[in-house]
Amino acid sequence: IKAFDVVSHDILLRKLEKMGITGIA
C-alpha cells in the first residue's frame, strides 16, 4: 500500500533510462 509514494525518483529515472527512455523524454 502506498508503494509508489516511497519510490526513489533517482532509481525510477535510472530504470526508465535502462528501458530506453532517453533524451527529451
PDB file of all heavy atoms in Angstrom:
ATOM      1  N   ILE A   1       0.848  -1.188   0.000  1.00  0.00           N
ATOM      2  CA  ILE A   1       0.000   0.000   0.000  1.00  0.00           C
ATOM      3  C   ILE A   1       0.887   1.243   0.000  1.00  0.00           C
ATOM      4  O   ILE A   1       1.897   1.284   0.688  1.00  0.00           O
ATOM      5  CB  ILE A   1      -0.973  -0.033   1.196  1.00  0.00           C
ATOM      6  CG1 ILE A   1      -2.207   0.766   0.897  1.00  0.00           C
ATOM      7  CG2 ILE A   1      -0.349   0.481   2.447  1.00  0.00           C
ATOM      8  CD1 ILE A   1      -3.344   0.466   1.864  1.00  0.00           C
ATOM      9  N   LYS A   2       0.567   2.170  -0.825  1.00  0.00           N
ATOM     10  CA  LYS A   2       1.324   3.417  -0.978  1.00  0.00           C
ATOM     11  C   LYS A   2       2.749   3.170  -1.472  1.00  0.00           C
ATOM     12  O   LYS A   2       3.644   3.969  -1.218  1.00  0.00           O
ATOM     13  CB  LYS A   2       1.361   4.210   0.322  1.00  0.00           C
ATOM     14  CG  LYS A   2       0.034   4.734   0.772  1.00  0.00           C
ATOM     15  CD  LYS A   2       0.238   5.618   1.986  1.00  0.00           C
ATOM     16  CE  LYS A   2      -1.068   6.185   2.468  1.00  0.00           C
ATOM     17  NZ  LYS A   2      -0.865   7.092   3.579  1.00  0.00           N
ATOM     18  N   ALA A   3       2.977   2.077  -2.163  1.00  0.00           N
ATOM     19  CA  ALA A   3       4.332   1.726  -2.597  1.00  0.00           C
ATOM     20  C   ALA A   3       4.929   2.813  -3.478  1.00  0.00           C
ATOM     21  O   ALA A   3       6.106   3.138  -3.346  1.00  0.00           O
ATOM     22  CB  ALA A   3       4.314   0.394  -3.340  1.00  0.00           C
ATOM     23  N   PHE A   4       4.136   3.374  -4.379  1.00  0.00           N
ATOM     24  CA  PHE A   4       4.696   4.366  -5.292  1.00  0.00           C
ATOM     25  C   PHE A   4       5.098   5.648  -4.560  1.00  0.00           C
ATOM     26  O   PHE A   4       5.970   6.387  -5.020  1.00  0.00           O
ATOM     27  CB  PHE A   4       3.720   4.695  -6.422  1.00  0.00           C
ATOM     28  CG  PHE A   4       4.367   5.451  -7.540  1.00  0.00           C
ATOM     29  CD1 PHE A   4       5.240   4.813  -8.411  1.00  0.00           C
ATOM     30  CD2 PHE A   4       4.133   6.796  -7.706  1.00  0.00           C
ATOM     31  CE1 PHE A   4       5.866   5.513  -9.435  1.00  0.00           C
ATOM     32  CE2 PHE A   4       4.750   7.506  -8.732  1.00  0.00           C
ATOM     33  CZ  PHE A   4       5.616   6.853  -9.599  1.00  0.00           C
ATOM     34  N   ASP A   5       4.479   5.908  -3.414  1.00  0.00           N
ATOM     35  CA  ASP A   5       4.802   7.116  -2.650  1.00  0.00           C
ATOM     36  C   ASP A   5       6.223   7.105  -2.105  1.00  0.00           C
ATOM     37  O   ASP A   5       6.753   8.155  -1.763  1.00  0.00           O
ATOM     38  CB  ASP A   5       3.820   7.294  -1.478  1.00  0.00           C
ATOM     39  CG  ASP A   5       2.393   7.542  -1.951  1.00  0.00           C
ATOM     40  OD1 ASP A   5       2.222   7.846  -3.144  1.00  0.00           O
ATOM     41  OD2 ASP A   5       1.468   7.436  -1.136  1.00  0.00           O
ATOM     42  N   VAL A   6       6.838   5.935  -2.003  1.00  0.00           N
ATOM     43  CA  VAL A   6       8.181   5.850  -1.425  1.00  0.00           C
ATOM     44  C   VAL A   6       9.256   5.469  -2.455  1.00  0.00           C
ATOM     45  O   VAL A   6      10.389   5.230  -2.094  1.00  0.00           O
ATOM     46  CB  VAL A   6       8.218   4.859  -0.230  1.00  0.00           C
ATOM     47  CG1 VAL A   6       7.351   5.354   0.903  1.00  0.00           C
ATOM     48  CG2 VAL A   6       7.800   3.465  -0.666  1.00  0.00           C
ATOM     49  N   VAL A   7       8.881   5.436  -3.733  1.00  0.00           N
ATOM     50  CA  VAL A   7       9.846   5.111  -4.779  1.00  0.00           C
ATOM     51  C   VAL A   7      10.835   6.261  -4.917  1.00  0.00           C
ATOM     52  O   VAL A   7      10.456   7.427  -5.009  1.00  0.00           O
ATOM     53  CB  VAL A   7       9.123   4.870  -6.126  1.00  0.00           C
ATOM     54  CG1 VAL A   7      10.099   4.792  -7.277  1.00  0.00           C
ATOM     55  CG2 VAL A   7       8.283   3.623  -6.057  1.00  0.00           C
ATOM     56  N   SER A   8      12.094   5.929  -4.940  1.00  0.00           N
ATOM     57  CA  SER A   8      13.140   6.926  -5.156  1.00  0.00           C
ATOM     58  C   SER A   8      13.068   7.423  -6.597  1.00  0.00           C
ATOM     59  O   SER A   8      13.112   6.622  -7.532  1.00  0.00           O
ATOM     60  CB  SER A   8      14.514   6.291  -4.895  1.00  0.00           C
ATOM     61  OG  SER A   8      15.528   7.086  -5.459  1.00  0.00           O
ATOM     62  N   HIS A   9      12.964   8.732  -6.767  1.00  0.00           N
ATOM     63  CA  HIS A   9      12.898   9.285  -8.115  1.00  0.00           C
ATOM     64  C   HIS A   9      14.175   9.005  -8.893  1.00  0.00           C
ATOM     65  O   HIS A   9      14.125   8.749 -10.105  1.00  0.00           O
ATOM     66  CB  HIS A   9      12.619  10.789  -8.057  1.00  0.00           C
ATOM     67  CG  HIS A   9      11.240  11.105  -7.571  1.00  0.00           C
ATOM     68  ND1 HIS A   9      10.835  12.374  -7.262  1.00  0.00           N
ATOM     69  CD2 HIS A   9      10.159  10.319  -7.327  1.00  0.00           C
ATOM     70  CE1 HIS A   9       9.579  12.357  -6.860  1.00  0.00           C
ATOM     71  NE2 HIS A   9       9.158  11.119  -6.886  1.00  0.00           N
ATOM     72  N   ASP A  10      15.320   9.029  -8.212  1.00  0.00           N
ATOM     73  CA  ASP A  10      16.592   8.743  -8.892  1.00  0.00           C
ATOM     74  C   ASP A  10      16.620   7.324  -9.443  1.00  0.00           C
ATOM     75  O   ASP A  10      17.041   7.091 -10.578  1.00  0.00           O
ATOM     76  CB  ASP A  10      17.778   8.957  -7.944  1.00  0.00           C
ATOM     77  CG  ASP A  10      17.988  10.421  -7.595  1.00  0.00           C
ATOM     78  OD1 ASP A  10      17.622  11.295  -8.415  1.00  0.00           O
ATOM     79  OD2 ASP A  10      18.513  10.698  -6.506  1.00  0.00           O
ATOM     80  N   ILE A  11      16.171   6.363  -8.636  1.00  0.00           N
ATOM     81  CA  ILE A  11      16.136   4.966  -9.089  1.00  0.00           C
ATOM     82  C   ILE A  11      15.146   4.811 -10.235  1.00  0.00           C
ATOM     83  O   ILE A  11      15.425   4.143 -11.236  1.00  0.00           O
ATOM     84  CB  ILE A  11      15.794   4.023  -7.918  1.00  0.00           C
ATOM     85  CG1 ILE A  11      16.942   4.015  -6.904  1.00  0.00           C
ATOM     86  CG2 ILE A  11      15.497   2.618  -8.422  1.00  0.00           C
ATOM     87  CD1 ILE A  11      16.623   3.280  -5.610  1.00  0.00           C
ATOM     88  N   LEU A  12      13.986   5.437 -10.111  1.00  0.00           N
ATOM     89  CA  LEU A  12      12.974   5.369 -11.165  1.00  0.00           C
ATOM     90  C   LEU A  12      13.517   5.925 -12.481  1.00  0.00           C
ATOM     91  O   LEU A  12      13.355   5.315 -13.542  1.00  0.00           O
ATOM     92  CB  LEU A  12      11.717   6.136 -10.746  1.00  0.00           C
ATOM     93  CG  LEU A  12      10.584   6.191 -11.756  1.00  0.00           C
ATOM     94  CD1 LEU A  12      10.091   4.804 -12.105  1.00  0.00           C
ATOM     95  CD2 LEU A  12       9.448   7.048 -11.219  1.00  0.00           C
ATOM     96  N   LEU A  13      14.199   7.056 -12.412  1.00  0.00           N
ATOM     97  CA  LEU A  13      14.760   7.661 -13.617  1.00  0.00           C
ATOM     98  C   LEU A  13      15.848   6.776 -14.242  1.00  0.00           C
ATOM     99  O   LEU A  13      15.932   6.647 -15.466  1.00  0.00           O
ATOM    100  CB  LEU A  13      15.304   9.054 -13.306  1.00  0.00           C
ATOM    101  CG  LEU A  13      14.223  10.097 -12.994  1.00  0.00           C
ATOM    102  CD1 LEU A  13      14.841  11.354 -12.405  1.00  0.00           C
ATOM    103  CD2 LEU A  13      13.396  10.411 -14.219  1.00  0.00           C
ATOM    104  N   ARG A  14      16.671   6.143 -13.395  1.00  0.00           N
ATOM    105  CA  ARG A  14      17.694   5.233 -13.928  1.00  0.00           C
ATOM    106  C   ARG A  14      17.048   4.034 -14.612  1.00  0.00           C
ATOM    107  O   ARG A  14      17.516   3.570 -15.660  1.00  0.00           O
ATOM    108  CB  ARG A  14      18.628   4.780 -12.804  1.00  0.00           C
ATOM    109  CG  ARG A  14      19.684   5.813 -12.449  1.00  0.00           C
ATOM    110  CD  ARG A  14      20.832   5.227 -11.648  1.00  0.00           C
ATOM    111  NE  ARG A  14      20.433   4.588 -10.411  1.00  0.00           N
ATOM    112  CZ  ARG A  14      20.358   5.186  -9.220  1.00  0.00           C
ATOM    113  NH1 ARG A  14      20.674   6.456  -9.095  1.00  0.00           N
ATOM    114  NH2 ARG A  14      20.005   4.523  -8.153  1.00  0.00           N
ATOM    115  N   LYS A  15      15.980   3.508 -14.037  1.00  0.00           N
ATOM    116  CA  LYS A  15      15.285   2.372 -14.649  1.00  0.00           C
ATOM    117  C   LYS A  15      14.650   2.770 -15.978  1.00  0.00           C
ATOM    118  O   LYS A  15      14.696   2.001 -16.943  1.00  0.00           O
ATOM    119  CB  LYS A  15      14.231   1.811 -13.698  1.00  0.00           C
ATOM    120  CG  LYS A  15      14.845   1.018 -12.564  1.00  0.00           C
ATOM    121  CD  LYS A  15      13.788   0.276 -11.785  1.00  0.00           C
ATOM    122  CE  LYS A  15      14.425  -0.537 -10.704  1.00  0.00           C
ATOM    123  NZ  LYS A  15      14.463  -1.945 -11.015  1.00  0.00           N
ATOM    124  N   LEU A  16      14.070   3.971 -16.020  1.00  0.00           N
ATOM    125  CA  LEU A  16      13.496   4.444 -17.282  1.00  0.00           C
ATOM    126  C   LEU A  16      14.576   4.534 -18.358  1.00  0.00           C
ATOM    127  O   LEU A  16      14.360   4.140 -19.508  1.00  0.00           O
ATOM    128  CB  LEU A  16      12.829   5.810 -17.088  1.00  0.00           C
ATOM    129  CG  LEU A  16      11.487   5.814 -16.363  1.00  0.00           C
ATOM    130  CD1 LEU A  16      11.046   7.239 -16.064  1.00  0.00           C
ATOM    131  CD2 LEU A  16      10.427   5.092 -17.177  1.00  0.00           C
ATOM    132  N   GLU A  17      15.746   5.034 -17.970  1.00  0.00           N
ATOM    133  CA  GLU A  17      16.850   5.158 -18.927  1.00  0.00           C
ATOM    134  C   GLU A  17      17.300   3.784 -19.425  1.00  0.00           C
ATOM    135  O   GLU A  17      17.557   3.593 -20.615  1.00  0.00           O
ATOM    136  CB  GLU A  17      18.011   5.917 -18.285  1.00  0.00           C
ATOM    137  CG  GLU A  17      19.057   6.351 -19.270  1.00  0.00           C
ATOM    138  CD  GLU A  17      20.072   7.312 -18.668  1.00  0.00           C
ATOM    139  OE1 GLU A  17      20.158   7.436 -17.426  1.00  0.00           O
ATOM    140  OE2 GLU A  17      20.790   7.920 -19.471  1.00  0.00           O
ATOM    141  N   LYS A  18      17.377   2.808 -18.517  1.00  0.00           N
ATOM    142  CA  LYS A  18      17.759   1.440 -18.919  1.00  0.00           C
ATOM    143  C   LYS A  18      16.736   0.823 -19.864  1.00  0.00           C
ATOM    144  O   LYS A  18      17.060  -0.063 -20.643  1.00  0.00           O
ATOM    145  CB  LYS A  18      17.917   0.547 -17.687  1.00  0.00           C
ATOM    146  CG  LYS A  18      19.218   0.736 -16.956  1.00  0.00           C
ATOM    147  CD  LYS A  18      19.349  -0.269 -15.837  1.00  0.00           C
ATOM    148  CE  LYS A  18      20.699  -0.156 -15.179  1.00  0.00           C
ATOM    149  NZ  LYS A  18      20.904  -1.155 -14.131  1.00  0.00           N
ATOM    150  N   MET A  19      15.489   1.301 -19.764  1.00  0.00           N
ATOM    151  CA  MET A  19      14.426   0.769 -20.617  1.00  0.00           C
ATOM    152  C   MET A  19      14.286   1.547 -21.917  1.00  0.00           C
ATOM    153  O   MET A  19      13.310   1.382 -22.645  1.00  0.00           O
ATOM    154  CB  MET A  19      13.105   0.766 -19.852  1.00  0.00           C
ATOM    155  CG  MET A  19      13.092  -0.216 -18.710  1.00  0.00           C
ATOM    156  SD  MET A  19      11.503  -0.213 -17.917  1.00  0.00           S
ATOM    157  CE  MET A  19      11.569  -1.742 -17.015  1.00  0.00           C
ATOM    158  N   GLY A  20      15.259   2.407 -22.194  1.00  0.00           N
ATOM    159  CA  GLY A  20      15.273   3.088 -23.484  1.00  0.00           C
ATOM    160  C   GLY A  20      14.645   4.467 -23.507  1.00  0.00           C
ATOM    161  O   GLY A  20      14.506   5.057 -24.575  1.00  0.00           O
ATOM    162  N   ILE A  21      14.259   4.985 -22.364  1.00  0.00           N
ATOM    163  CA  ILE A  21      13.712   6.335 -22.296  1.00  0.00           C
ATOM    164  C   ILE A  21      14.894   7.276 -22.136  1.00  0.00           C
ATOM    165  O   ILE A  21      15.550   7.293 -21.095  1.00  0.00           O
ATOM    166  CB  ILE A  21      12.734   6.506 -21.109  1.00  0.00           C
ATOM    167  CG1 ILE A  21      11.674   5.400 -21.090  1.00  0.00           C
ATOM    168  CG2 ILE A  21      12.113   7.888 -21.111  1.00  0.00           C
ATOM    169  CD1 ILE A  21      10.820   5.312 -22.310  1.00  0.00           C
ATOM    170  N   THR A  22      15.205   8.047 -23.176  1.00  0.00           N
ATOM    171  CA  THR A  22      16.388   8.909 -23.161  1.00  0.00           C
ATOM    172  C   THR A  22      16.031  10.280 -23.730  1.00  0.00           C
ATOM    173  O   THR A  22      14.903  10.515 -24.159  1.00  0.00           O
ATOM    174  CB  THR A  22      17.532   8.296 -23.995  1.00  0.00           C
ATOM    175  OG1 THR A  22      17.078   8.137 -25.337  1.00  0.00           O
ATOM    176  CG2 THR A  22      17.982   6.960 -23.446  1.00  0.00           C
ATOM    177  N   GLY A  23      17.012  11.145 -23.743  1.00  0.00           N
ATOM    178  CA  GLY A  23      16.875  12.443 -24.397  1.00  0.00           C
ATOM    179  C   GLY A  23      15.778  13.309 -23.813  1.00  0.00           C
ATOM    180  O   GLY A  23      15.620  13.430 -22.596  1.00  0.00           O
ATOM    181  N   ILE A  24      14.982  13.893 -24.708  1.00  0.00           N
ATOM    182  CA  ILE A  24      13.915  14.821 -24.304  1.00  0.00           C
ATOM    183  C   ILE A  24      12.906  14.127 -23.394  1.00  0.00           C
ATOM    184  O   ILE A  24      12.446  14.708 -22.408  1.00  0.00           O
ATOM    185  CB  ILE A  24      13.212  15.410 -25.545  1.00  0.00           C
ATOM    186  CG1 ILE A  24      14.190  16.308 -26.307  1.00  0.00           C
ATOM    187  CG2 ILE A  24      11.974  16.191 -25.157  1.00  0.00           C
ATOM    188  CD1 ILE A  24      13.676  16.769 -27.652  1.00  0.00           C
ATOM    189  N   ALA A  25      12.557  12.892 -23.703  1.00  0.00           N
ATOM    190  CA  ALA A  25      11.570  12.169 -22.892  1.00  0.00           C
ATOM    191  C   ALA A  25      12.075  11.986 -21.459  1.00  0.00           C
ATOM    192  O   ALA A  25      11.344  12.241 -20.495  1.00  0.00           O
ATOM    193  CB  ALA A  25      11.246  10.816 -23.521  1.00  0.00           C
TER     194      ALA A  25
END
